[in-house]
Amino acid sequence: MEDIYQPSLISVTEDRTRSYVVSHLFFVAFIGGIIAMVALGIHNAKSLKLEKKYIRTLTILSVFLIIGKLVIVYAIGQGILAIDEKYIKLLGRIFGVAGFFIFYAILNKPYKDHLAVSGETKSLWKPGFLACFISGFIDLITIKFLLAL
């Protein structure tokens, strides 16, 4: 008889969605660049349990942004583009912020739905710092390699 008073819509064993605050990903994109943004953005999309077609779309757009950045860095290194090499860091931030706006456009509605059902938000400090550090290391190696060609 006590089962009557148990909640029927949410079970204890149900896996709820978890998410970072989507707007905080801007700082990761600005500081860590496109690679950090992609890593945390895809992870957040999976945590929000987005459909696979949206995750694939985000992945494809992210790959285009990463390849675009690498092509432009290569063009600067070869002298094809008459831009000073000191602006490569700014270029990386521009691509990171562009990636943020793509992820924000796709993740914002599921994130609002997630909050509407009392969804849990995770802290972005530790994964954001780690993603920025690893992304910075990968960027350093790839940019030095492309400029050395």
C-alpha atoms as a PDB file:
ATOM      1  CA  MET A   1       0.000   0.000   0.000  1.00  0.00           C
ATOM      2  CA  GLU A   2       2.952   2.355   0.557  1.00  0.00           C
ATOM      3  CA  ASP A   3       3.859   2.115  -3.145  1.00  0.00           C
ATOM      4  CA  ILE A   4       0.971   4.420  -3.949  1.00  0.00           C
ATOM      5  CA  TYR A   5       2.871   7.382  -2.550  1.00  0.00           C
ATOM      6  CA  GLN A   6       6.071   6.743  -4.500  1.00  0.00           C
ATOM      7  CA  PRO A   7       6.806   9.087  -7.419  1.00  0.00           C
ATOM      8  CA  SER A   8       5.869   7.421 -10.665  1.00  0.00           C
ATOM      9  CA  LEU A   9       7.499   9.730 -13.219  1.00  0.00           C
ATOM     10  CA  ILE A  10      11.068   9.641 -11.945  1.00  0.00           C
ATOM     11  CA  SER A  11      12.625   6.467 -10.654  1.00  0.00           C
ATOM     12  CA  VAL A  12      15.724   6.369  -8.489  1.00  0.00           C
ATOM     13  CA  THR A  13      17.619   4.303 -11.043  1.00  0.00           C
ATOM     14  CA  GLU A  14      16.873   6.653 -13.939  1.00  0.00           C
ATOM     15  CA  ASP A  15      19.970   8.231 -15.447  1.00  0.00           C
ATOM     16  CA  ARG A  16      19.409  11.980 -15.373  1.00  0.00           C
ATOM     17  CA  THR A  17      21.100  14.439 -17.662  1.00  0.00           C
ATOM     18  CA  ARG A  18      24.033  16.448 -16.402  1.00  0.00           C
ATOM     19  CA  SER A  19      25.527  19.483 -18.034  1.00  0.00           C
ATOM     20  CA  TYR A  20      27.993  22.294 -17.752  1.00  0.00           C
ATOM     21  CA  VAL A  21      26.572  25.784 -17.873  1.00  0.00           C
ATOM     22  CA  VAL A  22      26.609  26.262 -21.647  1.00  0.00           C
ATOM     23  CA  SER A  23      27.460  29.958 -21.500  1.00  0.00           C
ATOM     24  CA  HIS A  24      30.577  29.185 -19.422  1.00  0.00           C
ATOM     25  CA  LEU A  25      31.988  27.262 -22.365  1.00  0.00           C
ATOM     26  CA  PHE A  26      32.783  30.679 -23.869  1.00  0.00           C
ATOM     27  CA  PHE A  27      35.714  31.044 -21.472  1.00  0.00           C
ATOM     28  CA  VAL A  28      37.031  27.634 -22.447  1.00  0.00           C
ATOM     29  CA  ALA A  29      36.718  28.575 -26.122  1.00  0.00           C
ATOM     30  CA  PHE A  30      38.453  31.912 -25.624  1.00  0.00           C
ATOM     31  CA  ILE A  31      41.307  30.633 -23.481  1.00  0.00           C
ATOM     32  CA  GLY A  32      41.737  27.067 -24.731  1.00  0.00           C
ATOM     33  CA  GLY A  33      40.829  27.465 -28.392  1.00  0.00           C
ATOM     34  CA  ILE A  34      38.880  25.263 -30.732  1.00  0.00           C
ATOM     35  CA  ILE A  35      40.242  21.911 -29.527  1.00  0.00           C
ATOM     36  CA  ALA A  36      39.257  22.507 -25.887  1.00  0.00           C
ATOM     37  CA  MET A  37      35.871  23.805 -27.008  1.00  0.00           C
ATOM     38  CA  VAL A  38      35.239  20.737 -29.141  1.00  0.00           C
ATOM     39  CA  ALA A  39      36.263  18.309 -26.403  1.00  0.00           C
ATOM     40  CA  LEU A  40      34.036  19.840 -23.741  1.00  0.00           C
ATOM     41  CA  GLY A  41      31.231  20.684 -26.163  1.00  0.00           C
ATOM     42  CA  ILE A  42      30.931  17.122 -27.442  1.00  0.00           C
ATOM     43  CA  HIS A  43      31.131  15.809 -23.881  1.00  0.00           C
ATOM     44  CA  ASN A  44      28.370  18.205 -22.855  1.00  0.00           C
ATOM     45  CA  ALA A  45      26.222  17.170 -25.829  1.00  0.00           C
ATOM     46  CA  LYS A  46      26.552  13.532 -24.798  1.00  0.00           C
ATOM     47  CA  SER A  47      25.772  14.406 -21.168  1.00  0.00           C
ATOM     48  CA  LEU A  48      22.610  16.182 -22.311  1.00  0.00           C
ATOM     49  CA  LYS A  49      21.746  13.022 -24.287  1.00  0.00           C
ATOM     50  CA  LEU A  50      21.375  14.795 -27.616  1.00  0.00           C
ATOM     51  CA  GLU A  51      20.398  12.745 -30.609  1.00  0.00           C
ATOM     52  CA  LYS A  52      23.288  11.252 -32.553  1.00  0.00           C
ATOM     53  CA  LYS A  53      22.531  13.345 -35.629  1.00  0.00           C
ATOM     54  CA  TYR A  54      23.215  16.536 -33.651  1.00  0.00           C
ATOM     55  CA  ILE A  55      26.415  15.132 -32.195  1.00  0.00           C
ATOM     56  CA  ARG A  56      27.565  14.127 -35.686  1.00  0.00           C
ATOM     57  CA  THR A  57      26.729  17.602 -36.990  1.00  0.00           C
ATOM     58  CA  LEU A  58      28.728  19.194 -34.186  1.00  0.00           C
ATOM     59  CA  THR A  59      31.634  16.859 -34.873  1.00  0.00           C
ATOM     60  CA  ILE A  60      31.666  17.595 -38.607  1.00  0.00           C
ATOM     61  CA  LEU A  61      31.482  21.361 -38.074  1.00  0.00           C
ATOM     62  CA  SER A  62      34.249  21.129 -35.470  1.00  0.00           C
ATOM     63  CA  VAL A  63      36.501  19.187 -37.822  1.00  0.00           C
ATOM     64  CA  PHE A  64      35.954  21.859 -40.492  1.00  0.00           C
ATOM     65  CA  LEU A  65      36.907  24.587 -38.020  1.00  0.00           C
ATOM     66  CA  ILE A  66      40.040  22.743 -36.894  1.00  0.00           C
ATOM     67  CA  ILE A  67      41.124  22.042 -40.470  1.00  0.00           C
ATOM     68  CA  GLY A  68      40.364  25.648 -41.434  1.00  0.00           C
ATOM     69  CA  LYS A  69      42.552  26.922 -38.623  1.00  0.00           C
ATOM     70  CA  LEU A  70      45.396  24.606 -39.600  1.00  0.00           C
ATOM     71  CA  VAL A  71      45.159  25.645 -43.270  1.00  0.00           C
ATOM     72  CA  ILE A  72      45.311  29.316 -42.354  1.00  0.00           C
ATOM     73  CA  VAL A  73      48.276  28.741 -40.019  1.00  0.00           C
ATOM     74  CA  TYR A  74      50.043  26.868 -42.811  1.00  0.00           C
ATOM     75  CA  ALA A  75      49.282  29.683 -45.265  1.00  0.00           C
ATOM     76  CA  ILE A  76      50.700  32.241 -42.836  1.00  0.00           C
ATOM     77  CA  GLY A  77      53.807  30.126 -42.315  1.00  0.00           C
ATOM     78  CA  GLN A  78      54.402  29.767 -46.047  1.00  0.00           C
ATOM     79  CA  GLY A  79      53.886  33.462 -46.695  1.00  0.00           C
ATOM     80  CA  ILE A  80      50.732  32.907 -48.757  1.00  0.00           C
ATOM     81  CA  LEU A  81      48.801  35.168 -46.388  1.00  0.00           C
ATOM     82  CA  ALA A  82      50.528  38.426 -45.565  1.00  0.00           C
ATOM     83  CA  ILE A  83      49.768  38.251 -41.852  1.00  0.00           C
ATOM     84  CA  ASP A  84      52.369  38.426 -39.128  1.00  0.00           C
ATOM     85  CA  GLU A  85      52.912  35.207 -37.161  1.00  0.00           C
ATOM     86  CA  LYS A  86      52.162  36.970 -33.869  1.00  0.00           C
ATOM     87  CA  TYR A  87      48.480  37.033 -34.833  1.00  0.00           C
ATOM     88  CA  ILE A  88      48.205  33.234 -34.898  1.00  0.00           C
ATOM     89  CA  LYS A  89      47.232  33.186 -31.213  1.00  0.00           C
ATOM     90  CA  LEU A  90      44.427  35.661 -31.932  1.00  0.00           C
ATOM     91  CA  LEU A  91      43.379  33.507 -34.874  1.00  0.00           C
ATOM     92  CA  GLY A  92      43.100  30.491 -32.560  1.00  0.00           C
ATOM     93  CA  ARG A  93      40.860  32.435 -30.206  1.00  0.00           C
ATOM     94  CA  ILE A  94      38.656  33.574 -33.084  1.00  0.00           C
ATOM     95  CA  PHE A  95      38.185  29.972 -34.231  1.00  0.00           C
ATOM     96  CA  GLY A  96      37.489  28.904 -30.631  1.00  0.00           C
ATOM     97  CA  VAL A  97      34.810  31.559 -30.188  1.00  0.00           C
ATOM     98  CA  ALA A  98      33.286  30.633 -33.569  1.00  0.00           C
ATOM     99  CA  GLY A  99      33.113  27.041 -32.324  1.00  0.00           C
ATOM    100  CA  PHE A 100      31.436  28.244 -29.136  1.00  0.00           C
ATOM    101  CA  PHE A 101      28.674  29.995 -31.086  1.00  0.00           C
ATOM    102  CA  ILE A 102      28.041  26.842 -33.111  1.00  0.00           C
ATOM    103  CA  PHE A 103      27.821  24.709 -29.970  1.00  0.00           C
ATOM    104  CA  TYR A 104      25.750  27.339 -28.175  1.00  0.00           C
ATOM    105  CA  ALA A 105      23.221  27.442 -31.003  1.00  0.00           C
ATOM    106  CA  ILE A 106      22.718  23.680 -30.861  1.00  0.00           C
ATOM    107  CA  LEU A 107      23.089  23.075 -27.096  1.00  0.00           C
ATOM    108  CA  ASN A 108      21.117  26.015 -25.713  1.00  0.00           C
ATOM    109  CA  LYS A 109      17.599  24.582 -26.082  1.00  0.00           C
ATOM    110  CA  PRO A 110      18.450  21.131 -24.658  1.00  0.00           C
ATOM    111  CA  TYR A 111      20.270  22.899 -21.821  1.00  0.00           C
ATOM    112  CA  LYS A 112      17.192  25.002 -21.009  1.00  0.00           C
ATOM    113  CA  ASP A 113      15.060  21.844 -21.095  1.00  0.00           C
ATOM    114  CA  HIS A 114      17.600  20.211 -18.790  1.00  0.00           C
ATOM    115  CA  LEU A 115      17.256  23.082 -16.289  1.00  0.00           C
ATOM    116  CA  ALA A 116      13.449  23.021 -16.546  1.00  0.00           C
ATOM    117  CA  VAL A 117      13.344  19.503 -15.109  1.00  0.00           C
ATOM    118  CA  SER A 118      15.723  20.388 -12.257  1.00  0.00           C
ATOM    119  CA  GLY A 119      18.772  19.066 -14.047  1.00  0.00           C
ATOM    120  CA  GLU A 120      22.134  18.971 -12.353  1.00  0.00           C
ATOM    121  CA  THR A 121      24.917  21.326 -13.492  1.00  0.00           C
ATOM    122  CA  LYS A 122      28.542  20.330 -13.124  1.00  0.00           C
ATOM    123  CA  SER A 123      31.466  22.584 -12.345  1.00  0.00           C
ATOM    124  CA  LEU A 124      33.611  23.500 -15.325  1.00  0.00           C
ATOM    125  CA  TRP A 125      36.740  24.468 -13.390  1.00  0.00           C
ATOM    126  CA  LYS A 126      38.686  21.206 -13.382  1.00  0.00           C
ATOM    127  CA  PRO A 127      37.692  19.847 -16.826  1.00  0.00           C
ATOM    128  CA  GLY A 128      37.958  23.332 -18.342  1.00  0.00           C
ATOM    129  CA  PHE A 129      41.442  23.893 -16.977  1.00  0.00           C
ATOM    130  CA  LEU A 130      42.562  20.428 -18.071  1.00  0.00           C
ATOM    131  CA  ALA A 131      41.079  20.856 -21.561  1.00  0.00           C
ATOM    132  CA  CYS A 132      42.722  24.284 -21.955  1.00  0.00           C
ATOM    133  CA  PHE A 133      46.087  22.911 -20.851  1.00  0.00           C
ATOM    134  CA  ILE A 134      45.996  19.902 -23.171  1.00  0.00           C
ATOM    135  CA  SER A 135      44.600  21.983 -26.038  1.00  0.00           C
ATOM    136  CA  GLY A 136      47.351  24.567 -25.569  1.00  0.00           C
ATOM    137  CA  PHE A 137      49.981  21.841 -25.736  1.00  0.00           C
ATOM    138  CA  ILE A 138      48.473  20.328 -28.898  1.00  0.00           C
ATOM    139  CA  ASP A 139      48.151  23.774 -30.492  1.00  0.00           C
ATOM    140  CA  LEU A 140      51.760  24.606 -29.655  1.00  0.00           C
ATOM    141  CA  ILE A 141      53.065  21.437 -31.263  1.00  0.00           C
ATOM    142  CA  THR A 142      50.902  21.653 -34.402  1.00  0.00           C
ATOM    143  CA  ILE A 143      51.557  25.352 -34.959  1.00  0.00           C
ATOM    144  CA  LYS A 144      55.321  24.966 -34.514  1.00  0.00           C
ATOM    145  CA  PHE A 145      55.252  22.018 -36.914  1.00  0.00           C
ATOM    146  CA  LEU A 146      53.213  23.873 -39.537  1.00  0.00           C
ATOM    147  CA  LEU A 147      55.373  26.970 -39.305  1.00  0.00           C
ATOM    148  CA  ALA A 148      58.530  24.866 -39.670  1.00  0.00           C
ATOM    149  CA  LEU A 149      57.373  23.350 -42.974  1.00  0.00           C
END
